[in-house]
Every structure is written in structure tokens, then in C-alpha cells.
């Protein structure tokens, strides 16, 4: 239970550092225009995000995997440009820190979606390595070790949130 709480806290910290979900897809200088709101439904966005999370977690070397993949629900977040973003995560317990530089190389060499993402190896606030994958049309994904798990935290691009179509935020916040 403690590990689950710590993973949720880590996800919240990522949300806070992602500078507003989809708004973080712009350059810091503001030189790129904002990405228009996607017209996908929440159901479509969630399916896309979870599919990408699952694809990324499959790049963890099998010899490091120490248990089953866990795919948590998520929640909607507001976007600076209006609309909403979907944030969630998928993780797998690992025996040691995967080499994220090698992880990134494998992604860029063999992942079908690699061309749709900018892949950057950065450093988390803890000093640990973190991969950040950014796509103007698919969102932002963070790959990093959180305690005994390698976690893929995701934030979709902004989409036109519609209460009538997508449901009340309080209904989906606990998914």
C-alpha cells in the first residue's frame, strides 16, 4: 500500500512539473504556436495513452522485470489552452535501474512510433535518469524509476473536453 501511495505522489509531482499538461508541449521561449485542441473523445484519448504506455513498458529488458505490469487509471487535468488532458501511468517492478540511454536507443531504432516523438534523456529532481518523450499529437511521456518500479507516466495532448460526451470530471477522477 505504501508503495502505491508513493507512486501516486510521484505522479502528482510529475503533473506539477509538467507545467500544465499539454501546455508543456510548447517550447519555453513560446516560439511554437499552441497545439490546437484535439477533437478526440476522452475514451479515444485514454485508449491511445494506455496503448503507448503499454508499448513503452515492453522495452524494459526482460531480465530486469520482477513481476507483472501494473496499469493504473488516471484523471483529467486542465490545460492552459482550455480543454483537458488525460494523465495516467503504467509501471513494472524491476530488479535494478534499466539503462535509459540504451532504452532510448532501442526505442528510436525499433519502435513503430519513434518518428512521432522527440526523445530526451534528462535527469529527474532526484538526480536519477528520466526519459521524456514528447509528441505534439500524442502527448508527453516520462519513463523513470520510482522506487522498485520503472514507470511510464503520461499526459495526453489537450482535447476538447465535453461534459455531455465525456462525463463529469468527478465521475472519472477516480478511474
Protein backbone atom coordinates (compact mmCIF):
# COMPACT_ATOMS: atom_id res chain seq x y z
CA UNK A 1 0.00 0.00 0.00
CA UNK A 2 2.83 2.38 0.90
CA UNK A 3 4.46 1.81 -2.50
CA UNK A 4 1.18 2.62 -4.28
CA UNK A 5 0.81 5.87 -2.29
CA UNK A 6 4.38 6.85 -3.15
CA UNK A 7 3.76 6.16 -6.85
CA UNK A 8 0.66 8.37 -6.73
CA UNK A 9 2.69 11.11 -5.04
CA UNK A 10 5.36 10.75 -7.74
CA UNK A 11 2.70 11.03 -10.45
CA UNK A 12 1.30 14.17 -8.82
CA UNK A 13 4.81 15.64 -8.70
CA UNK A 14 5.19 14.91 -12.42
CA UNK A 15 1.89 16.64 -13.10
CA UNK A 16 3.07 19.69 -11.21
CA UNK A 17 6.37 19.77 -13.13
CA UNK A 18 4.75 19.16 -16.49
CA UNK A 19 3.67 22.83 -16.44
CA UNK A 20 0.05 22.30 -17.18
CA UNK A 21 -0.17 19.06 -19.10
CA UNK A 22 -0.48 19.77 -22.78
CA UNK A 23 0.79 23.33 -22.46
CA UNK A 24 4.22 21.85 -21.77
CA UNK A 25 4.39 20.76 -25.40
CA UNK A 26 5.39 24.28 -26.39
CA UNK A 27 8.93 25.48 -26.23
CA UNK A 28 9.86 27.52 -23.17
CA UNK A 29 10.52 30.57 -25.34
CA UNK A 30 6.98 30.37 -26.70
CA UNK A 31 8.32 30.26 -30.26
CA UNK A 32 5.95 27.49 -31.33
CA UNK A 33 2.24 28.25 -31.58
CA UNK A 34 -0.02 26.31 -29.24
CA UNK A 35 -1.23 22.95 -30.45
CA UNK A 36 -4.95 23.14 -31.27
CA UNK A 37 -7.33 21.12 -29.12
CA UNK A 38 -7.81 17.57 -30.33
CA UNK A 39 -11.41 16.66 -31.13
CA UNK A 40 -10.93 13.12 -29.79
CA UNK A 41 -13.26 11.95 -27.06
CA UNK A 42 -11.98 11.10 -23.61
CA UNK A 43 -12.50 7.40 -24.39
CA UNK A 44 -10.31 7.71 -27.50
CA UNK A 45 -7.62 9.70 -25.69
CA UNK A 46 -7.45 7.19 -22.82
CA UNK A 47 -7.13 4.29 -25.26
CA UNK A 48 -4.30 6.00 -27.17
CA UNK A 49 -2.41 6.96 -24.00
CA UNK A 50 -2.69 3.50 -22.46
CA UNK A 51 -1.61 1.82 -25.71
CA UNK A 52 1.54 3.97 -25.82
CA UNK A 53 2.27 3.32 -22.12
CA UNK A 54 2.00 -0.43 -22.76
CA UNK A 55 4.25 -0.22 -25.82
CA UNK A 56 6.91 1.70 -23.90
CA UNK A 57 6.90 -0.64 -20.90
CA UNK A 58 7.60 -3.56 -23.26
CA UNK A 59 11.07 -2.08 -23.90
CA UNK A 60 12.14 -2.91 -20.33
CA UNK A 61 14.74 -5.69 -20.62
CA UNK A 62 13.01 -8.95 -19.58
CA UNK A 63 15.88 -9.93 -17.27
CA UNK A 64 15.12 -6.84 -15.11
CA UNK A 65 11.37 -7.44 -14.82
CA UNK A 66 10.38 -8.67 -11.37
CA UNK A 67 6.59 -9.01 -11.58
CA UNK A 68 3.52 -8.15 -13.61
CA UNK A 69 2.84 -4.86 -15.38
CA UNK A 70 0.51 -2.58 -13.42
CA UNK A 71 -1.60 -0.11 -15.34
CA UNK A 72 -3.32 2.43 -13.13
CA UNK A 73 -6.26 4.53 -14.14
CA UNK A 74 -5.83 8.25 -14.37
CA UNK A 75 -7.60 11.55 -14.26
CA UNK A 76 -8.36 14.59 -16.35
CA UNK A 77 -6.27 17.70 -15.90
CA UNK A 78 -6.97 21.17 -17.13
CA UNK A 79 -4.92 22.61 -19.98
CA UNK A 80 -3.64 26.14 -20.20
CA UNK A 81 -5.28 26.46 -23.63
CA UNK A 82 -8.62 25.14 -22.39
CA UNK A 83 -9.96 21.65 -22.70
CA UNK A 84 -8.43 18.79 -20.75
CA UNK A 85 -5.51 16.39 -20.74
CA UNK A 86 -5.57 12.76 -19.54
CA UNK A 87 -2.81 11.76 -17.13
CA UNK A 88 -2.09 8.18 -16.08
CA UNK A 89 0.74 5.70 -15.65
CA UNK A 90 1.83 2.13 -16.24
CA UNK A 91 4.66 0.52 -14.30
CA UNK A 92 6.54 -2.74 -13.91
CA UNK A 93 8.62 -3.87 -10.92
CA UNK A 94 12.33 -4.09 -11.80
CA UNK A 95 15.33 -5.61 -10.04
CA UNK A 96 17.62 -2.70 -10.97
CA UNK A 97 17.70 0.57 -12.86
CA UNK A 98 17.48 -0.06 -16.61
CA UNK A 99 19.99 1.78 -18.77
CA UNK A 100 17.70 4.53 -20.09
CA UNK A 101 20.23 5.59 -22.71
CA UNK A 102 20.05 2.07 -24.17
CA UNK A 103 16.25 2.12 -23.68
CA UNK A 104 16.09 5.32 -25.78
CA UNK A 105 18.34 3.85 -28.46
CA UNK A 106 16.16 0.74 -28.68
CA UNK A 107 13.03 2.90 -28.96
CA UNK A 108 14.49 5.05 -31.71
CA UNK A 109 15.75 2.00 -33.63
CA UNK A 110 12.74 -0.33 -33.41
CA UNK A 111 9.59 1.37 -32.11
CA UNK A 112 7.00 2.00 -34.83
CA UNK A 113 6.02 5.35 -33.30
CA UNK A 114 9.57 6.61 -32.72
CA UNK A 115 9.36 9.11 -35.57
CA UNK A 116 6.39 10.80 -33.91
CA UNK A 117 8.34 11.65 -30.73
CA UNK A 118 11.28 13.74 -29.60
CA UNK A 119 13.19 11.56 -27.12
CA UNK A 120 15.35 13.26 -24.48
CA UNK A 121 17.36 11.68 -21.68
CA UNK A 122 17.16 14.08 -18.77
CA UNK A 123 17.51 14.00 -15.01
CA UNK A 124 14.65 13.84 -12.51
CA UNK A 125 14.66 16.10 -9.45
CA UNK A 126 16.11 13.14 -7.53
CA UNK A 127 19.12 13.10 -9.83
CA UNK A 128 18.03 9.80 -11.38
CA UNK A 129 17.82 9.45 -15.17
CA UNK A 130 14.49 10.15 -16.86
CA UNK A 131 13.42 9.76 -20.47
CA UNK A 132 10.99 12.34 -21.77
CA UNK A 133 9.11 11.53 -24.97
CA UNK A 134 7.18 14.42 -26.50
CA UNK A 135 4.81 14.44 -29.45
CA UNK A 136 2.64 17.39 -30.50
CA UNK A 137 -0.15 14.97 -31.44
CA UNK A 138 0.29 12.15 -28.88
CA UNK A 139 1.32 13.92 -25.67
CA UNK A 140 4.21 13.66 -23.24
CA UNK A 141 5.53 10.52 -21.57
CA UNK A 142 8.06 10.21 -18.74
CA UNK A 143 10.00 6.96 -18.23
CA UNK A 144 11.81 6.69 -14.91
CA UNK A 145 12.39 4.51 -11.90
CA UNK A 146 10.12 5.18 -8.94
CA UNK A 147 11.16 3.02 -6.02
CA UNK A 148 11.16 -0.60 -7.22
CA UNK A 149 9.19 0.19 -10.40
CA UNK A 150 10.02 1.51 -13.83
CA UNK A 151 7.14 3.84 -14.52
CA UNK A 152 5.74 5.40 -17.68
CA UNK A 153 3.74 8.46 -16.66
CA UNK A 154 1.73 10.05 -19.44
CA UNK A 155 -0.10 13.25 -20.25
CA UNK A 156 -2.18 13.40 -23.42
CA UNK A 157 -2.38 16.40 -25.65
CA UNK A 158 -5.21 18.78 -24.89
CA UNK A 159 -8.59 17.66 -26.14
CA UNK A 160 -11.95 19.40 -26.30
CA UNK A 161 -13.50 18.12 -23.09
CA UNK A 162 -17.28 17.87 -23.32
CA UNK A 163 -19.23 17.00 -20.16
CA UNK A 164 -22.18 15.68 -22.16
CA UNK A 165 -19.98 13.39 -24.21
CA UNK A 166 -17.15 12.58 -21.77
CA UNK A 167 -18.90 12.64 -18.38
CA UNK A 168 -18.49 14.73 -15.27
CA UNK A 169 -14.89 15.14 -14.09
CA UNK A 170 -15.75 13.89 -10.61
CA UNK A 171 -17.08 10.65 -12.14
CA UNK A 172 -13.86 9.88 -13.96
CA UNK A 173 -11.33 11.29 -11.48
CA UNK A 174 -11.21 8.02 -9.51
CA UNK A 175 -10.71 5.70 -12.50
